[in-house]
């Protein structure tokens, strides 16, 4: 099965190269697991907390679950926010970048006891559902098209009075 190239994939790779923990968050069915598995195939262990046995192990002993993990993807981390404290302890001891790639549908920063646990240690990358440019595997031209239709004047600041012709009516902005 061929996968659509995701525009954020390079952002995730860049974050993994200089940050200890990276979180891919976004709405359900946006492709977080697919992207994480693709990255995990590059020599990272993969755990999903959708698996009842794995989730139980993570909840029963978060420190033991994380202990001994060199680099890993932990998919759907939101049902076990207690893991974040164990991850913090692990990445404070071993500060190499790219240690953990997490995914989650819920905004982890709104969960109790999480808001500051990974401050300075985690970068968040938002993944939205497929964009038309990803489906067409072409770069987006929306901004170029908009700029060519309504070029910005370099001599006037953005928002300065300017007339636009929108068919039969003119508008002053």
Protein backbone atom coordinates (compact mmCIF):
# COMPACT_ATOMS: atom_id res chain seq x y z
CA UNK A 1 0.00 0.00 0.00
CA UNK A 2 1.47 3.35 -1.04
CA UNK A 3 1.36 6.09 1.56
CA UNK A 4 0.74 9.74 0.86
CA UNK A 5 3.76 11.86 1.70
CA UNK A 6 2.93 14.02 4.72
CA UNK A 7 4.06 17.64 4.78
CA UNK A 8 4.88 17.48 8.51
CA UNK A 9 7.14 14.43 8.17
CA UNK A 10 10.25 16.61 7.77
CA UNK A 11 9.21 18.73 10.78
CA UNK A 12 8.97 15.55 12.86
CA UNK A 13 12.37 14.37 11.61
CA UNK A 14 13.92 17.77 12.38
CA UNK A 15 12.39 17.77 15.86
CA UNK A 16 13.66 14.24 16.51
CA UNK A 17 17.17 15.39 15.61
CA UNK A 18 17.36 18.05 18.32
CA UNK A 19 14.62 17.35 20.91
CA UNK A 20 14.41 14.46 23.36
CA UNK A 21 10.63 13.93 23.11
CA UNK A 22 8.38 14.72 20.15
CA UNK A 23 4.60 14.58 20.31
CA UNK A 24 2.51 14.21 17.16
CA UNK A 25 -0.95 15.36 18.12
CA UNK A 26 -4.07 15.84 16.09
CA UNK A 27 -7.63 14.73 15.55
CA UNK A 28 -8.66 11.10 15.23
CA UNK A 29 -7.97 9.47 11.88
CA UNK A 30 -5.49 12.16 10.77
CA UNK A 31 -2.64 9.69 10.21
CA UNK A 32 -0.67 9.96 13.47
CA UNK A 33 -0.24 6.20 13.87
CA UNK A 34 0.68 5.68 10.22
CA UNK A 35 3.33 8.41 10.39
CA UNK A 36 4.66 7.12 13.72
CA UNK A 37 4.92 3.56 12.37
CA UNK A 38 6.78 4.83 9.32
CA UNK A 39 9.27 6.57 11.60
CA UNK A 40 9.42 3.57 13.96
CA UNK A 41 10.51 1.41 11.06
CA UNK A 42 13.73 3.41 11.25
CA UNK A 43 15.10 1.46 14.24
CA UNK A 44 12.70 2.47 17.01
CA UNK A 45 10.65 0.18 19.20
CA UNK A 46 6.89 0.64 18.77
CA UNK A 47 4.29 0.41 21.55
CA UNK A 48 0.61 1.21 21.25
CA UNK A 49 -1.52 1.90 24.29
CA UNK A 50 -4.52 0.77 22.25
CA UNK A 51 -3.30 -2.73 23.19
CA UNK A 52 -4.88 -3.64 26.56
CA UNK A 53 -1.84 -5.59 27.80
CA UNK A 54 0.56 -2.79 26.93
CA UNK A 55 -1.73 -0.18 28.51
CA UNK A 56 -2.04 -2.26 31.68
CA UNK A 57 1.75 -2.58 31.94
CA UNK A 58 2.15 1.19 31.45
CA UNK A 59 -0.46 2.01 34.10
CA UNK A 60 0.75 -0.55 36.66
CA UNK A 61 4.43 0.45 36.54
CA UNK A 62 5.18 3.53 34.41
CA UNK A 63 8.83 3.73 35.52
CA UNK A 64 9.38 0.02 34.85
CA UNK A 65 7.68 0.33 31.47
CA UNK A 66 10.03 3.13 30.37
CA UNK A 67 13.17 1.72 32.04
CA UNK A 68 15.49 0.14 29.52
CA UNK A 69 13.88 1.74 26.47
CA UNK A 70 16.55 3.27 24.29
CA UNK A 71 14.31 4.88 21.67
CA UNK A 72 10.62 4.24 21.16
CA UNK A 73 7.33 5.31 19.67
CA UNK A 74 4.49 5.27 22.18
CA UNK A 75 1.25 5.53 20.25
CA UNK A 76 -1.95 6.91 21.81
CA UNK A 77 -0.36 8.00 25.10
CA UNK A 78 -3.39 9.91 26.43
CA UNK A 79 -4.87 7.01 28.48
CA UNK A 80 -1.60 6.79 30.47
CA UNK A 81 -0.44 10.34 31.24
CA UNK A 82 1.50 8.88 34.19
CA UNK A 83 4.05 7.70 31.62
CA UNK A 84 5.08 11.30 31.01
CA UNK A 85 6.73 11.60 34.43
CA UNK A 86 8.64 8.38 33.79
CA UNK A 87 9.67 9.66 30.35
CA UNK A 88 10.80 12.94 31.93
CA UNK A 89 13.00 11.04 34.37
CA UNK A 90 14.42 8.91 31.55
CA UNK A 91 15.25 11.83 29.24
CA UNK A 92 16.74 13.83 32.09
CA UNK A 93 19.16 10.96 32.66
CA UNK A 94 19.88 10.29 28.97
CA UNK A 95 19.56 13.57 27.11
CA UNK A 96 20.09 12.34 23.56
CA UNK A 97 17.60 13.78 21.07
CA UNK A 98 14.96 11.59 19.48
CA UNK A 99 14.45 9.29 22.46
CA UNK A 100 10.64 9.21 22.38
CA UNK A 101 8.06 9.86 19.69
CA UNK A 102 4.59 10.09 21.21
CA UNK A 103 1.20 10.32 19.54
CA UNK A 104 -2.09 11.38 21.02
CA UNK A 105 -5.54 12.51 20.05
CA UNK A 106 -6.26 14.46 23.21
CA UNK A 107 -4.35 17.62 23.92
CA UNK A 108 -1.94 16.24 26.51
CA UNK A 109 -1.17 19.67 27.88
CA UNK A 110 -4.75 19.99 29.16
CA UNK A 111 -4.60 16.77 31.15
CA UNK A 112 -4.03 17.11 34.92
CA UNK A 113 -0.39 16.99 36.10
CA UNK A 114 0.99 17.14 32.58
CA UNK A 115 1.26 20.81 31.68
CA UNK A 116 4.83 21.35 32.88
CA UNK A 117 6.21 17.82 33.19
CA UNK A 118 8.00 17.87 29.83
CA UNK A 119 8.61 21.61 29.48
CA UNK A 120 11.84 22.20 27.57
CA UNK A 121 12.07 18.51 26.70
CA UNK A 122 9.22 18.05 24.23
CA UNK A 123 8.27 19.54 20.88
CA UNK A 124 4.71 19.20 19.63
CA UNK A 125 3.89 18.76 15.94
CA UNK A 126 0.26 19.09 14.91
CA UNK A 127 -0.91 16.65 12.24
CA UNK A 128 -4.13 17.48 10.45
CA UNK A 129 -6.04 15.26 8.00
CA UNK A 130 -4.64 14.98 4.49
CA UNK A 131 -4.36 18.24 2.58
CA UNK A 132 -5.24 18.38 -1.11
CA UNK A 133 -1.57 19.03 -1.93
CA UNK A 134 -0.61 15.82 -0.08
CA UNK A 135 -3.23 13.80 -1.97
CA UNK A 136 -2.11 15.27 -5.31
CA UNK A 137 1.55 14.93 -4.21
CA UNK A 138 2.15 18.47 -5.41
CA UNK A 139 3.28 21.50 -3.51
CA UNK A 140 0.59 23.93 -2.51
CA UNK A 141 0.27 27.00 -4.70
CA UNK A 142 -2.46 28.79 -2.73
CA UNK A 143 -0.24 31.60 -1.42
CA UNK A 144 1.53 32.08 -4.77
CA UNK A 145 -1.81 32.23 -6.55
CA UNK A 146 -3.21 34.71 -4.03
CA UNK A 147 -0.11 36.90 -4.27
CA UNK A 148 -0.21 36.95 -8.08
CA UNK A 149 -3.92 37.85 -8.07
CA UNK A 150 -3.53 40.57 -5.44
CA UNK A 151 0.15 41.56 -5.21
CA UNK A 152 1.18 43.30 -2.03
CA UNK A 153 2.67 46.72 -2.47
CA UNK A 154 6.16 46.87 -1.04
CA UNK A 155 5.81 50.63 -0.50
CA UNK A 156 2.68 50.45 1.67
CA UNK A 157 2.33 48.49 4.89
CA UNK A 158 -0.02 45.55 4.92
CA UNK A 159 -3.52 46.73 5.79
CA UNK A 160 -3.08 50.19 4.28
CA UNK A 161 -6.07 51.45 2.30
CA UNK A 162 -6.17 49.67 -0.99
CA UNK A 163 -8.85 49.17 -3.61
CA UNK A 164 -9.71 45.72 -4.87
CA UNK A 165 -11.99 45.03 -7.80
CA UNK A 166 -14.28 42.10 -6.97
CA UNK A 167 -16.35 41.96 -10.12
CA UNK A 168 -18.79 44.83 -10.40
CA UNK A 169 -18.13 46.27 -6.95
CA UNK A 170 -15.08 47.87 -5.43
CA UNK A 171 -14.12 47.51 -1.84
CA UNK A 172 -11.83 49.66 0.15
CA UNK A 173 -9.97 47.76 2.84
